[in-house]
Amino acid sequence: MTEISFPEPRIGPEWARRRIGAFRDTAAFERFAAVYREAMDGLPEPEELRTVDTSYGAVRVYRFGAGDGVPLVLMPGRQRREEHRA
């Protein structure tokens, strides 16, 4: 299995203020990382691994297999925060 690492995880309220994806705290990031690693364990070994810098930060890119097939790109979703009313 490929070693899974995460480029610059965004943890804490300072990232949330910038209006880009962030994890509320370290525990939230660790829950995400555990599920991510579990999902990656079910995939074949990637042929290529890259980190691409974007205006939103670094993005990890994996290429599986080779050939002339149509590429599949998975885009991350966005979780809506529920407002809690007192």
N, C-alpha and C. Protein backbone atom coordinates (compact mmCIF):
# COMPACT_ATOMS: atom_id res chain seq x y z
N MET A 1 0.82 -1.18 0.00
CA MET A 1 0.00 0.00 0.00
C MET A 1 0.86 1.25 0.00
N THR A 2 0.42 2.25 -0.71
CA THR A 2 1.11 3.53 -0.77
C THR A 2 0.98 4.26 0.56
N GLU A 3 2.06 4.87 0.98
CA GLU A 3 2.01 5.71 2.18
C GLU A 3 1.15 6.93 1.86
N ILE A 4 0.14 7.16 2.68
CA ILE A 4 -0.76 8.28 2.47
C ILE A 4 -0.34 9.44 3.37
N SER A 5 -0.10 10.57 2.75
CA SER A 5 0.19 11.78 3.50
C SER A 5 -0.71 12.88 2.96
N PHE A 6 -0.85 13.92 3.73
CA PHE A 6 -1.76 14.99 3.36
C PHE A 6 -0.99 16.31 3.30
N PRO A 7 -1.02 16.97 2.14
CA PRO A 7 -0.34 18.26 2.07
C PRO A 7 -1.11 19.30 2.87
N GLU A 8 -0.41 20.01 3.70
CA GLU A 8 -0.93 21.12 4.50
C GLU A 8 -2.39 21.00 4.92
N PRO A 9 -2.71 20.07 5.84
CA PRO A 9 -4.11 20.01 6.29
C PRO A 9 -4.51 21.32 6.96
N ARG A 10 -5.67 21.79 6.62
CA ARG A 10 -6.17 23.06 7.15
C ARG A 10 -7.00 22.78 8.39
N ILE A 11 -6.44 23.08 9.53
CA ILE A 11 -7.10 22.77 10.79
C ILE A 11 -7.25 24.04 11.60
N GLY A 12 -8.47 24.33 12.03
CA GLY A 12 -8.70 25.46 12.92
C GLY A 12 -9.48 26.60 12.31
N PRO A 13 -9.94 27.49 13.15
CA PRO A 13 -10.81 28.58 12.71
C PRO A 13 -10.12 29.59 11.79
N GLU A 14 -8.80 29.71 11.86
CA GLU A 14 -8.13 30.68 10.98
C GLU A 14 -8.34 30.33 9.51
N TRP A 15 -8.48 29.04 9.19
CA TRP A 15 -8.75 28.63 7.81
C TRP A 15 -10.21 28.88 7.46
N ALA A 16 -11.10 28.62 8.39
CA ALA A 16 -12.53 28.82 8.13
C ALA A 16 -12.82 30.28 7.79
N ARG A 17 -12.10 31.21 8.41
CA ARG A 17 -12.31 32.63 8.13
C ARG A 17 -11.93 32.97 6.69
N ARG A 18 -11.08 32.18 6.08
CA ARG A 18 -10.67 32.45 4.70
C ARG A 18 -11.67 31.91 3.68
N ARG A 19 -12.75 31.29 4.17
CA ARG A 19 -13.82 30.77 3.34
C ARG A 19 -13.35 29.66 2.41
N ILE A 20 -12.42 28.85 2.88
CA ILE A 20 -12.01 27.66 2.14
C ILE A 20 -12.14 26.47 3.08
N GLY A 21 -12.16 25.28 2.52
CA GLY A 21 -12.35 24.08 3.32
C GLY A 21 -11.36 23.96 4.46
N ALA A 22 -11.88 23.59 5.62
CA ALA A 22 -11.03 23.45 6.80
C ALA A 22 -11.66 22.43 7.74
N PHE A 23 -10.84 21.86 8.58
CA PHE A 23 -11.31 20.96 9.63
C PHE A 23 -11.43 21.77 10.91
N ARG A 24 -12.49 21.54 11.63
CA ARG A 24 -12.76 22.29 12.86
C ARG A 24 -11.62 22.14 13.86
N ASP A 25 -11.12 20.91 13.99
CA ASP A 25 -10.06 20.64 14.96
C ASP A 25 -9.27 19.42 14.52
N THR A 26 -8.23 19.10 15.26
CA THR A 26 -7.37 17.97 14.91
C THR A 26 -8.14 16.66 14.92
N ALA A 27 -9.07 16.49 15.86
CA ALA A 27 -9.86 15.25 15.93
C ALA A 27 -10.68 15.06 14.65
N ALA A 28 -11.26 16.13 14.12
CA ALA A 28 -12.03 16.04 12.88
C ALA A 28 -11.13 15.63 11.72
N PHE A 29 -9.94 16.22 11.65
CA PHE A 29 -9.01 15.84 10.59
C PHE A 29 -8.60 14.38 10.72
N GLU A 30 -8.33 13.92 11.93
CA GLU A 30 -7.92 12.53 12.13
C GLU A 30 -9.02 11.56 11.74
N ARG A 31 -10.29 11.90 11.98
CA ARG A 31 -11.41 11.04 11.54
C ARG A 31 -11.43 10.97 10.01
N PHE A 32 -11.29 12.12 9.36
CA PHE A 32 -11.23 12.15 7.90
C PHE A 32 -10.07 11.31 7.38
N ALA A 33 -8.88 11.49 7.96
CA ALA A 33 -7.68 10.79 7.50
C ALA A 33 -7.83 9.28 7.64
N ALA A 34 -8.46 8.82 8.71
CA ALA A 34 -8.66 7.38 8.90
C ALA A 34 -9.56 6.80 7.82
N VAL A 35 -10.65 7.50 7.50
CA VAL A 35 -11.57 7.03 6.47
C VAL A 35 -10.90 7.08 5.10
N TYR A 36 -10.15 8.13 4.83
CA TYR A 36 -9.42 8.29 3.56
C TYR A 36 -8.44 7.14 3.38
N ARG A 37 -7.67 6.85 4.42
CA ARG A 37 -6.69 5.76 4.33
C ARG A 37 -7.38 4.41 4.12
N GLU A 38 -8.50 4.20 4.80
CA GLU A 38 -9.25 2.96 4.63
C GLU A 38 -9.74 2.82 3.19
N ALA A 39 -10.25 3.90 2.63
CA ALA A 39 -10.72 3.86 1.23
C ALA A 39 -9.56 3.60 0.27
N MET A 40 -8.41 4.23 0.51
CA MET A 40 -7.26 4.02 -0.36
C MET A 40 -6.73 2.60 -0.28
N ASP A 41 -6.92 1.93 0.88
CA ASP A 41 -6.49 0.54 1.03
C ASP A 41 -7.24 -0.38 0.06
N GLY A 42 -8.43 0.02 -0.37
CA GLY A 42 -9.23 -0.80 -1.28
C GLY A 42 -8.89 -0.59 -2.74
N LEU A 43 -7.96 0.30 -3.03
CA LEU A 43 -7.59 0.60 -4.41
C LEU A 43 -6.25 -0.05 -4.75
N PRO A 44 -6.00 -0.25 -6.05
CA PRO A 44 -4.68 -0.76 -6.43
C PRO A 44 -3.60 0.28 -6.16
N GLU A 45 -2.37 -0.16 -6.21
CA GLU A 45 -1.24 0.76 -6.03
C GLU A 45 -1.25 1.80 -7.15
N PRO A 46 -1.17 3.10 -6.82
CA PRO A 46 -1.17 4.12 -7.88
C PRO A 46 0.09 4.03 -8.74
N GLU A 47 -0.08 4.32 -10.01
CA GLU A 47 1.06 4.38 -10.94
C GLU A 47 1.86 5.65 -10.73
N GLU A 48 1.16 6.70 -10.31
CA GLU A 48 1.82 8.00 -10.16
C GLU A 48 1.13 8.79 -9.05
N LEU A 49 1.91 9.57 -8.35
CA LEU A 49 1.41 10.42 -7.27
C LEU A 49 2.02 11.81 -7.47
N ARG A 50 1.16 12.82 -7.46
CA ARG A 50 1.64 14.20 -7.60
C ARG A 50 0.93 15.10 -6.60
N THR A 51 1.59 16.17 -6.29
CA THR A 51 0.98 17.24 -5.52
C THR A 51 0.96 18.47 -6.42
N VAL A 52 -0.24 19.00 -6.63
CA VAL A 52 -0.42 20.12 -7.54
C VAL A 52 -0.81 21.35 -6.71
N ASP A 53 -0.07 22.43 -6.87
CA ASP A 53 -0.40 23.68 -6.19
C ASP A 53 -1.50 24.40 -6.94
N THR A 54 -2.53 24.83 -6.22
CA THR A 54 -3.62 25.59 -6.80
C THR A 54 -3.81 26.86 -5.99
N SER A 55 -4.70 27.71 -6.43
CA SER A 55 -4.96 28.95 -5.67
C SER A 55 -5.65 28.65 -4.34
N TYR A 56 -6.17 27.43 -4.17
CA TYR A 56 -6.79 27.02 -2.91
C TYR A 56 -5.85 26.22 -2.03
N GLY A 57 -4.66 25.96 -2.49
CA GLY A 57 -3.69 25.16 -1.73
C GLY A 57 -3.26 23.94 -2.53
N ALA A 58 -2.51 23.07 -1.88
CA ALA A 58 -2.00 21.87 -2.54
C ALA A 58 -3.09 20.81 -2.66
N VAL A 59 -3.10 20.12 -3.80
CA VAL A 59 -4.06 19.05 -4.08
C VAL A 59 -3.28 17.79 -4.42
N ARG A 60 -3.67 16.68 -3.83
CA ARG A 60 -3.01 15.40 -4.11
C ARG A 60 -3.70 14.74 -5.30
N VAL A 61 -2.91 14.25 -6.25
CA VAL A 61 -3.43 13.61 -7.45
C VAL A 61 -2.81 12.22 -7.57
N TYR A 62 -3.66 11.21 -7.80
CA TYR A 62 -3.20 9.84 -8.00
C TYR A 62 -3.58 9.41 -9.41
N ARG A 63 -2.69 8.68 -10.07
CA ARG A 63 -3.01 8.07 -11.36
C ARG A 63 -2.91 6.57 -11.19
N PHE A 64 -4.00 5.88 -11.54
CA PHE A 64 -4.06 4.44 -11.46
C PHE A 64 -4.11 3.86 -12.86
N GLY A 65 -3.24 2.90 -13.14
CA GLY A 65 -3.26 2.24 -14.44
C GLY A 65 -2.70 3.10 -15.54
N ALA A 66 -2.73 2.55 -16.71
CA ALA A 66 -2.23 3.24 -17.90
C ALA A 66 -3.14 2.87 -19.06
N GLY A 67 -3.05 3.58 -20.12
CA GLY A 67 -3.85 3.22 -21.28
C GLY A 67 -4.55 4.40 -21.89
N ASP A 68 -5.45 4.08 -22.81
CA ASP A 68 -6.14 5.10 -23.58
C ASP A 68 -7.56 5.36 -23.09
N GLY A 69 -7.91 4.86 -21.92
CA GLY A 69 -9.27 5.04 -21.40
C GLY A 69 -9.56 6.48 -21.05
N VAL A 70 -10.81 6.75 -20.79
CA VAL A 70 -11.25 8.08 -20.39
C VAL A 70 -10.91 8.26 -18.92
N PRO A 71 -10.22 9.34 -18.56
CA PRO A 71 -9.87 9.54 -17.15
C PRO A 71 -11.09 9.85 -16.30
N LEU A 72 -11.03 9.45 -15.06
CA LEU A 72 -12.07 9.74 -14.08
C LEU A 72 -11.46 10.66 -13.04
N VAL A 73 -12.10 11.78 -12.83
CA VAL A 73 -11.61 12.74 -11.84
C VAL A 73 -12.67 12.88 -10.76
N LEU A 74 -12.28 12.62 -9.52
CA LEU A 74 -13.19 12.76 -8.39
C LEU A 74 -12.96 14.12 -7.75
N MET A 75 -13.99 14.90 -7.67
CA MET A 75 -13.88 16.23 -7.09
C MET A 75 -14.46 16.20 -5.68
N PRO A 76 -13.80 16.85 -4.74
CA PRO A 76 -14.33 16.85 -3.38
C PRO A 76 -15.60 17.68 -3.29
N GLY A 77 -16.49 17.24 -2.42
CA GLY A 77 -17.71 17.99 -2.18
C GLY A 77 -17.49 19.03 -1.10
N ARG A 78 -18.55 19.64 -0.72
CA ARG A 78 -18.46 20.63 0.34
C ARG A 78 -19.54 20.31 1.36
N GLN A 79 -19.15 20.25 2.59
CA GLN A 79 -20.09 19.96 3.66
C GLN A 79 -20.70 21.25 4.15
N ARG A 80 -22.00 21.24 4.28
CA ARG A 80 -22.68 22.42 4.82
C ARG A 80 -22.68 22.34 6.32
N ARG A 81 -22.41 23.42 6.95
CA ARG A 81 -22.46 23.47 8.41
C ARG A 81 -23.89 23.77 8.86
N GLU A 82 -24.35 22.98 9.79
CA GLU A 82 -25.68 23.25 10.35
C GLU A 82 -25.55 24.32 11.42
N GLU A 83 -26.50 25.20 11.44
CA GLU A 83 -26.51 26.23 12.48
C GLU A 83 -27.20 25.65 13.70
N HIS A 84 -26.57 25.82 14.83
CA HIS A 84 -27.16 25.36 16.08
C HIS A 84 -27.76 26.55 16.79
N ARG A 85 -29.02 26.44 17.09
CA ARG A 85 -29.70 27.55 17.77
C ARG A 85 -29.86 27.24 19.24
N ALA A 86 -29.56 28.20 20.04
CA ALA A 86 -29.65 28.02 21.50
C ALA A 86 -31.05 28.27 22.00
